[in-house]
Amino acid sequence: MRSFIVARTKLVGCCFLVQGKYQNVVMNGQEVFKFAVRAVPDCVKGALANADMGVEDVDWLVCHQANQRILDSAADRLGMPREKVISNLASYGNTSAASIPLALSQAVNEGKIKDGDIVAVAGFGAGLTWGAAVFRWGSHS
């Protein structure tokens, strides 16, 4: 079977196909774990600082649902009770880029997250990128 790789040239928007071969994608799980349990608390704290808030102000933490150990460790490093961390891993597993919106939706539909709650979200992913946001849930006058 022949495979092709799309490659970009230095000309903007110009692509060409070259014959290629499949290569396995490899993840160093231990290093990703170490990265995530450092990056998630740091970026959540940064987002909270930008909002003039502290961890104690957060009602719920919704993170990328990579694995439960990462969620638990991030909560522990933040000094946040694990009961405040939304997890749907047992039901759905790691749903990649959809994990935060799915977990958030489920928590709202189950009545956990209510109007006025302060929610911190944090994600990390491919290429070890990461980010966080803090917001008040619902509509307010």
Protein backbone atom coordinates (compact mmCIF):
# COMPACT_ATOMS: atom_id res chain seq x y z
CA MET A 1 0.00 0.00 0.00
CA ARG A 2 1.30 3.44 -0.88
CA SER A 3 0.86 6.37 1.48
CA PHE A 4 1.35 10.07 0.98
CA ILE A 5 2.43 12.91 3.20
CA VAL A 6 1.26 16.46 2.64
CA ALA A 7 4.26 18.76 2.86
CA ARG A 8 4.37 22.56 2.76
CA THR A 9 6.82 24.49 0.66
CA LYS A 10 8.17 27.91 1.59
CA LEU A 11 5.61 29.41 -0.77
CA VAL A 12 2.56 30.44 1.25
CA GLY A 13 -0.38 28.16 0.71
CA CYS A 14 1.37 25.84 -1.72
CA CYS A 15 1.29 22.13 -0.95
CA PHE A 16 2.47 19.04 -2.75
CA LEU A 17 2.27 15.31 -2.16
CA VAL A 18 5.31 13.16 -1.72
CA GLN A 19 5.47 9.43 -1.33
CA GLY A 20 5.96 8.54 2.30
CA LYS A 21 5.53 5.84 4.84
CA TYR A 22 3.60 5.39 8.03
CA GLN A 23 5.39 5.94 11.30
CA ASN A 24 4.11 5.14 14.75
CA VAL A 25 3.14 7.98 17.00
CA VAL A 26 4.75 7.51 20.40
CA MET A 27 3.91 9.17 23.70
CA ASN A 28 6.09 9.15 26.79
CA GLY A 29 3.26 8.81 29.31
CA GLN A 30 5.41 9.39 32.39
CA GLU A 31 6.77 12.67 31.04
CA VAL A 32 3.31 13.82 29.94
CA PHE A 33 2.03 13.07 33.45
CA LYS A 34 4.85 15.08 35.05
CA PHE A 35 4.25 17.95 32.65
CA ALA A 36 0.48 17.99 33.18
CA VAL A 37 0.57 17.94 36.98
CA ARG A 38 2.94 20.92 36.90
CA ALA A 39 1.36 22.88 34.04
CA VAL A 40 -2.31 22.60 35.04
CA PRO A 41 -1.92 24.09 38.55
CA ASP A 42 0.47 26.77 37.29
CA CYS A 43 -1.80 27.93 34.48
CA VAL A 44 -4.92 27.80 36.69
CA LYS A 45 -3.13 29.91 39.31
CA GLY A 46 -2.08 32.33 36.56
CA ALA A 47 -5.64 32.66 35.28
CA LEU A 48 -6.90 33.17 38.84
CA ALA A 49 -4.26 35.84 39.49
CA ASN A 50 -5.34 37.67 36.32
CA ALA A 51 -8.92 37.60 37.65
CA ASP A 52 -7.82 38.79 41.13
CA MET A 53 -9.00 35.48 42.59
CA GLY A 54 -7.53 32.59 44.51
CA VAL A 55 -8.04 28.84 44.49
CA GLU A 56 -10.46 29.23 47.40
CA ASP A 57 -12.80 31.21 45.10
CA VAL A 58 -13.20 28.33 42.63
CA ASP A 59 -16.35 26.26 42.90
CA TRP A 60 -15.44 23.75 40.16
CA LEU A 61 -12.34 22.71 38.22
CA VAL A 62 -12.87 21.23 34.77
CA CYS A 63 -9.69 19.91 33.16
CA HIS A 64 -8.85 17.98 30.04
CA GLN A 65 -9.95 14.45 30.92
CA ALA A 66 -6.65 12.69 30.16
CA ASN A 67 -6.63 10.34 33.16
CA GLN A 68 -7.83 10.35 36.76
CA ARG A 69 -4.33 10.41 38.25
CA ILE A 70 -3.61 13.71 36.49
CA LEU A 71 -6.91 15.21 37.70
CA ASP A 72 -6.27 14.09 41.29
CA SER A 73 -2.65 15.27 41.30
CA ALA A 74 -3.55 18.65 39.82
CA ALA A 75 -6.25 19.15 42.47
CA ASP A 76 -3.81 18.14 45.21
CA ARG A 77 -1.17 20.58 43.96
CA LEU A 78 -3.77 23.35 43.82
CA GLY A 79 -4.90 22.52 47.35
CA MET A 80 -8.41 21.95 46.00
CA PRO A 81 -10.68 19.19 47.31
CA ARG A 82 -11.02 16.42 44.73
CA GLU A 83 -14.81 16.69 45.11
CA LYS A 84 -14.61 20.03 43.29
CA VAL A 85 -12.96 18.46 40.23
CA ILE A 86 -15.35 17.41 37.47
CA SER A 87 -14.50 14.00 36.04
CA ASN A 88 -16.39 11.93 33.49
CA LEU A 89 -13.49 9.59 32.70
CA ALA A 90 -15.27 6.55 34.11
CA SER A 91 -18.10 7.05 31.62
CA TYR A 92 -16.31 8.26 28.49
CA GLY A 93 -12.54 7.94 28.85
CA ASN A 94 -10.26 10.48 27.21
CA THR A 95 -12.30 12.22 24.53
CA SER A 96 -9.39 14.39 23.41
CA ALA A 97 -10.25 17.98 22.46
CA ALA A 98 -13.91 17.42 23.36
CA SER A 99 -13.20 16.47 26.96
CA ILE A 100 -13.63 19.90 28.59
CA PRO A 101 -16.88 20.85 26.82
CA LEU A 102 -18.32 17.37 27.40
CA ALA A 103 -17.42 17.38 31.10
CA LEU A 104 -18.71 20.94 31.51
CA SER A 105 -22.00 20.10 29.77
CA GLN A 106 -22.49 16.96 31.82
CA ALA A 107 -21.81 18.82 35.09
CA VAL A 108 -24.32 21.53 34.19
CA ASN A 109 -26.95 18.99 33.10
CA GLU A 110 -26.47 17.04 36.35
CA GLY A 111 -26.98 20.23 38.37
CA LYS A 112 -23.47 20.34 39.77
CA ILE A 113 -22.46 23.62 38.12
CA LYS A 114 -25.08 26.29 38.80
CA ASP A 115 -25.59 29.94 37.90
CA GLY A 116 -23.05 32.10 39.68
CA ASP A 117 -20.49 29.34 40.23
CA ILE A 118 -16.86 30.17 39.54
CA VAL A 119 -15.43 27.62 37.12
CA ALA A 120 -11.77 27.16 36.26
CA VAL A 121 -10.97 25.18 33.13
CA ALA A 122 -7.55 23.93 32.10
CA GLY A 123 -6.43 22.02 29.06
CA PHE A 124 -3.27 20.54 27.69
CA GLY A 125 -2.59 18.49 24.63
CA ALA A 126 -0.67 17.72 21.48
CA GLY A 127 2.78 19.21 21.44
CA LEU A 128 2.33 19.84 25.15
CA THR A 129 0.44 23.07 24.82
CA TRP A 130 -1.67 24.27 27.73
CA GLY A 131 -4.03 27.00 28.84
CA ALA A 132 -6.62 27.94 31.43
CA ALA A 133 -9.59 30.24 31.90
CA VAL A 134 -11.73 31.29 34.84
CA PHE A 135 -15.33 32.41 34.50
CA ARG A 136 -18.61 32.82 36.35
CA TRP A 137 -21.20 30.38 35.01
CA GLY A 138 -24.62 31.57 33.86
CA SER A 139 -26.28 34.84 33.07
CA HIS A 140 -26.21 37.73 35.47
CA SER A 141 -27.71 41.20 35.36
